[in-house]
Protein backbone atom coordinates (compact mmCIF):
# COMPACT_ATOMS: atom_id res chain seq x y z
CA MET A 1 -14.21 5.03 -14.38
CA GLU A 2 -14.53 1.69 -12.68
CA VAL A 3 -11.61 0.21 -10.75
CA ASP A 4 -11.08 -3.51 -11.37
CA HIS A 5 -8.22 -4.03 -8.96
CA ILE A 6 -5.18 -2.44 -7.34
CA PHE A 7 -1.84 -4.05 -6.66
CA ILE A 8 0.64 -3.18 -3.93
CA PHE A 9 4.23 -4.33 -4.32
CA SER A 10 5.64 -6.18 -1.33
CA ASN A 11 9.32 -6.31 -0.43
CA ASN A 12 8.75 -9.08 2.10
CA LYS A 13 7.49 -11.95 -0.06
CA GLY A 14 3.87 -11.01 0.50
CA LYS A 15 3.96 -11.48 4.26
CA GLU A 16 2.26 -8.08 4.70
CA ALA A 17 -0.93 -9.79 3.54
CA ASN A 18 -1.00 -11.66 6.86
CA ASP A 19 -2.08 -8.39 8.47
CA LEU A 20 -5.05 -8.23 6.10
CA VAL A 21 -6.08 -11.74 7.13
CA GLU A 22 -5.80 -10.79 10.82
CA PHE A 23 -7.96 -7.75 10.05
CA GLY A 24 -10.76 -10.08 8.99
CA LEU A 25 -10.36 -10.33 5.23
CA THR A 26 -10.82 -13.71 3.57
CA GLU A 27 -7.92 -14.54 1.28
CA GLY A 28 -8.63 -15.66 -2.26
CA SER A 29 -6.53 -17.49 -4.82
CA SER A 30 -2.94 -16.69 -5.73
CA ARG A 31 -1.29 -16.67 -9.15
CA LEU A 32 2.21 -17.04 -10.52
CA HIS A 33 3.03 -14.83 -13.53
CA PRO A 34 5.47 -16.84 -15.72
CA GLY A 35 7.71 -14.58 -17.78
CA GLN A 36 6.93 -11.56 -15.61
CA GLY A 37 8.68 -12.96 -12.56
CA THR A 38 5.99 -12.12 -10.01
CA THR A 39 3.40 -13.87 -7.88
CA ASN A 40 0.62 -12.62 -5.63
CA ARG A 41 -1.90 -12.95 -2.83
CA LYS A 42 -5.41 -11.61 -3.47
CA PHE A 43 -8.47 -10.41 -1.58
CA TYR A 44 -11.80 -10.15 -3.40
CA PHE A 45 -14.82 -7.93 -2.78
CA ASP A 46 -18.17 -7.42 -4.51
CA ASN A 47 -16.74 -5.07 -7.15
CA PHE A 48 -12.96 -5.15 -6.78
CA PHE A 49 -9.92 -7.09 -5.66
CA LEU A 50 -6.72 -6.13 -3.86
CA GLU A 51 -3.49 -7.79 -4.94
CA ILE A 52 -0.28 -8.05 -2.95
CA LEU A 53 2.47 -8.56 -5.54
CA TRP A 54 6.13 -9.46 -5.26
CA VAL A 55 9.11 -10.58 -7.33
CA VAL A 56 10.07 -14.26 -7.39
CA ASN A 57 12.29 -14.25 -10.49
CA GLU A 58 14.50 -11.22 -11.04
CA GLU A 59 15.78 -12.53 -14.38
CA GLU A 60 12.23 -12.67 -15.79
CA ILE A 61 11.08 -9.27 -14.55
CA ARG A 62 14.26 -7.68 -15.93
CA SER A 63 14.09 -9.53 -19.26
CA GLU A 64 13.76 -7.69 -22.57
CA LEU A 65 10.01 -8.40 -22.66
CA THR A 66 9.20 -7.16 -19.18
CA ALA A 67 11.88 -4.51 -18.60
CA LYS A 68 9.98 -1.95 -20.69
CA THR A 69 7.06 -2.14 -18.25
CA LYS A 70 9.21 -0.67 -15.46
CA LEU A 71 7.65 -3.15 -13.03
CA TRP A 72 11.12 -3.96 -11.71
CA GLU A 73 11.61 -0.31 -10.80
CA ARG A 74 8.24 -0.32 -9.02
CA SER A 75 9.23 -3.39 -7.04
CA GLN A 76 12.31 -1.52 -5.80
CA PHE A 77 10.22 1.20 -4.15
CA LYS A 78 12.20 1.05 -0.92
CA LYS A 79 15.41 1.93 -2.76
CA ASN A 80 14.24 4.37 -5.43
CA GLY A 81 11.12 6.03 -3.97
CA ASN A 82 8.80 4.84 -6.75
CA SER A 83 5.14 4.29 -5.99
CA ARG A 84 4.50 0.67 -5.09
CA PHE A 85 0.90 0.85 -6.34
CA GLY A 86 -0.71 -0.31 -9.57
CA LEU A 87 -4.17 0.76 -10.73
CA CYS A 88 -6.20 -1.44 -13.08
CA LEU A 89 -9.30 0.09 -14.66
CA VAL A 90 -12.22 -1.61 -16.35
CA ASN A 91 -11.86 -1.19 -20.11
CA SER A 92 -14.56 1.27 -21.21
CA GLU A 93 -14.98 4.34 -23.40
CA LEU A 94 -14.36 6.46 -20.33
CA THR A 95 -10.76 5.23 -20.27
CA ASP A 96 -9.99 5.75 -23.98
CA LYS A 97 -8.60 9.28 -23.64
CA LEU A 98 -6.36 8.29 -20.74
CA PHE A 99 -4.86 5.44 -22.75
CA GLU A 100 -4.48 7.31 -26.07
CA LYS A 101 -0.68 7.29 -25.80
CA SER A 102 -0.26 4.16 -23.73
CA GLU A 103 2.14 1.32 -24.43
CA ILE A 104 1.17 -2.25 -25.23
CA TYR A 105 2.33 -5.13 -23.04
CA GLU A 106 1.86 -8.78 -23.99
CA PRO A 107 2.67 -10.86 -20.90
CA ASP A 108 3.87 -14.42 -21.43
CA TYR A 109 1.16 -15.70 -19.12
CA PHE A 110 -1.63 -14.24 -21.31
CA PRO A 111 -3.23 -16.21 -24.16
CA LYS A 112 -1.57 -15.60 -27.53
CA ASP A 113 -2.48 -12.25 -29.14
CA MET A 114 -3.91 -10.84 -25.89
CA SER A 115 -2.34 -7.65 -24.55
CA ILE A 116 -2.97 -4.81 -22.13
CA ASP A 117 -2.58 -1.05 -22.44
CA ILE A 118 -0.18 0.26 -19.81
CA ILE A 119 0.92 3.66 -18.54
CA THR A 120 4.24 3.24 -16.75
CA ASN A 121 4.36 6.84 -15.47
CA GLU A 122 8.14 6.50 -15.46
CA GLN A 123 8.54 10.29 -15.68
CA ASN A 124 6.35 10.64 -12.58
CA PRO A 125 6.97 7.42 -10.64
CA ASP A 126 5.10 8.76 -7.61
CA LEU A 127 1.94 8.07 -9.64
CA PRO A 128 0.55 4.53 -9.78
CA TRP A 129 1.53 2.16 -12.57
CA THR A 130 -1.72 2.15 -14.54
CA PHE A 131 -3.38 -0.26 -16.97
CA ARG A 132 -6.78 -1.44 -18.13
CA LEU A 133 -8.35 -4.82 -18.71
CA PRO A 134 -7.61 -6.37 -22.12
CA TYR A 135 -11.28 -6.89 -22.92
CA ARG A 136 -14.29 -4.59 -23.04
CA GLY A 137 -17.75 -5.49 -21.83
CA ILE A 138 -19.05 -7.47 -18.87
CA LYS A 139 -16.44 -8.31 -16.26
CA LYS A 140 -15.58 -11.98 -16.05
CA GLU A 141 -17.17 -13.81 -13.14
CA ASN A 142 -15.05 -15.61 -10.60
CA ASN A 143 -15.64 -18.04 -7.78
CA GLU A 144 -13.50 -16.20 -5.26
CA PRO A 145 -14.60 -15.72 -1.63
CA ILE A 146 -16.12 -12.28 -1.02
CA GLU A 147 -17.50 -12.70 2.52
CA HIS A 148 -15.29 -11.09 5.17
CA LEU A 149 -15.43 -11.28 8.96
CA ASN A 150 -15.22 -7.49 9.28
CA GLY A 151 -18.30 -7.03 7.08
CA ILE A 152 -16.57 -5.16 4.25
CA LYS A 153 -18.33 -5.58 0.91
CA SER A 154 -17.76 -3.00 -1.85
CA LEU A 155 -15.08 -0.47 -2.77
CA THR A 156 -16.54 3.05 -2.95
CA LYS A 157 -13.51 5.34 -3.25
CA VAL A 158 -9.77 5.25 -3.97
CA GLU A 159 -7.30 7.96 -3.01
CA PHE A 160 -3.63 8.02 -3.99
CA GLU A 161 -1.35 10.32 -2.04
CA THR A 162 1.40 11.55 -4.37
CA GLN A 163 4.39 13.88 -4.11
CA LYS A 164 4.03 17.63 -4.08
CA ASP A 165 5.31 19.85 -6.90
CA SER A 166 5.68 17.20 -9.58
CA GLU A 167 4.54 17.57 -13.17
CA LYS A 168 1.66 15.16 -13.67
CA ALA A 169 -1.29 17.27 -14.79
CA GLY A 170 -1.79 15.31 -18.01
CA PHE A 171 -2.41 12.05 -16.20
CA LYS A 172 -4.48 13.53 -13.39
CA ASP A 173 -6.66 15.55 -15.78
CA ALA A 174 -8.26 12.32 -16.95
CA PHE A 175 -9.64 11.82 -13.43
CA LYS A 176 -10.99 15.35 -12.87
CA ASN A 177 -14.63 14.31 -13.11
CA VAL A 178 -14.16 10.84 -11.65
CA GLU A 179 -15.73 10.75 -8.19
CA ASN A 180 -14.36 7.40 -7.06
CA VAL A 181 -10.65 7.99 -7.81
CA ARG A 182 -8.73 10.92 -6.30
CA PHE A 183 -5.14 12.12 -6.26
CA THR A 184 -3.95 14.31 -3.40
CA GLU A 185 -0.54 15.79 -2.65
CA SER A 186 1.29 14.55 0.41
CA ASP A 187 4.73 14.10 1.92
CA GLY A 188 4.44 10.33 1.39
CA LEU A 189 3.14 7.85 -1.16
CA ASN A 190 0.10 6.20 0.34
CA LEU A 191 -3.14 4.53 -0.66
CA ILE A 192 -6.52 5.07 0.99
CA LEU A 193 -9.34 2.65 0.19
CA GLU A 194 -12.88 3.44 1.27
CA PHE A 195 -15.38 0.60 1.44
CA ASP A 196 -19.17 0.81 1.81
CA ASN A 197 -19.04 4.62 2.07
CA ASN A 198 -17.31 4.21 5.45
CA ALA A 199 -20.64 2.94 6.84
CA GLN A 200 -19.08 1.48 10.01
CA GLY A 201 -17.14 4.68 10.66
CA LYS A 202 -13.91 2.76 11.23
CA ILE A 203 -10.35 3.22 9.98
CA LYS A 204 -7.53 0.68 9.89
CA GLU A 205 -3.94 1.46 8.92
CA PHE A 206 -1.47 -1.03 7.46
CA SER A 207 1.89 0.71 7.66
CA GLY A 208 3.70 -2.19 6.00
CA LEU A 209 1.65 -1.59 2.86
CA ASN A 210 1.32 2.22 3.02
CA LEU A 211 -2.40 1.47 3.10
CA THR A 212 -5.34 2.91 5.03
CA VAL A 213 -8.76 1.25 4.91
CA LYS A 214 -11.92 3.15 5.77
CA TYR A 215 -15.00 1.00 6.27
């Protein structure tokens, strides 16, 4: 499976992204999500982007349309212990089994009749909120900056640290033979991103995002 992007909910209006800039990442565009009540800051790479997401309109994110997504609950990770992470996969045949029983979400900010398949994992909220791109085929090109001062280029592996002793085999089974996405049990909910096969042999931790970067 190919990872398109990952979001991390912020509870500080996205200010945690300042640490990523100081680390040497070049910030890309931002986007407001009308009807969903969120906005973001983004960082693009050769094959992936990282999104720092936060709530700007509580009424919208808790509306009838958006409430079913459980994104509000994810945004309240500090209070309820939910995972703050969201995993977006490229839409391919490899993802079909995973999304067999998924829900459909039609965001207001999407073109009419466009929707995404989502897995809220509300029964196992220590797992990432998961979805796939609405279209299948070649990924859309963008004009975002992908050159970074620290030399990072491509995502090579993703690891989600999840809670111990929780029932989530059905979801995780879909990733058994996926080399670039792993789930490990831990005392905390954390995300580890490996870039360029850790070619520089360096590690950087961002405690404010529960994020570790290996590069």
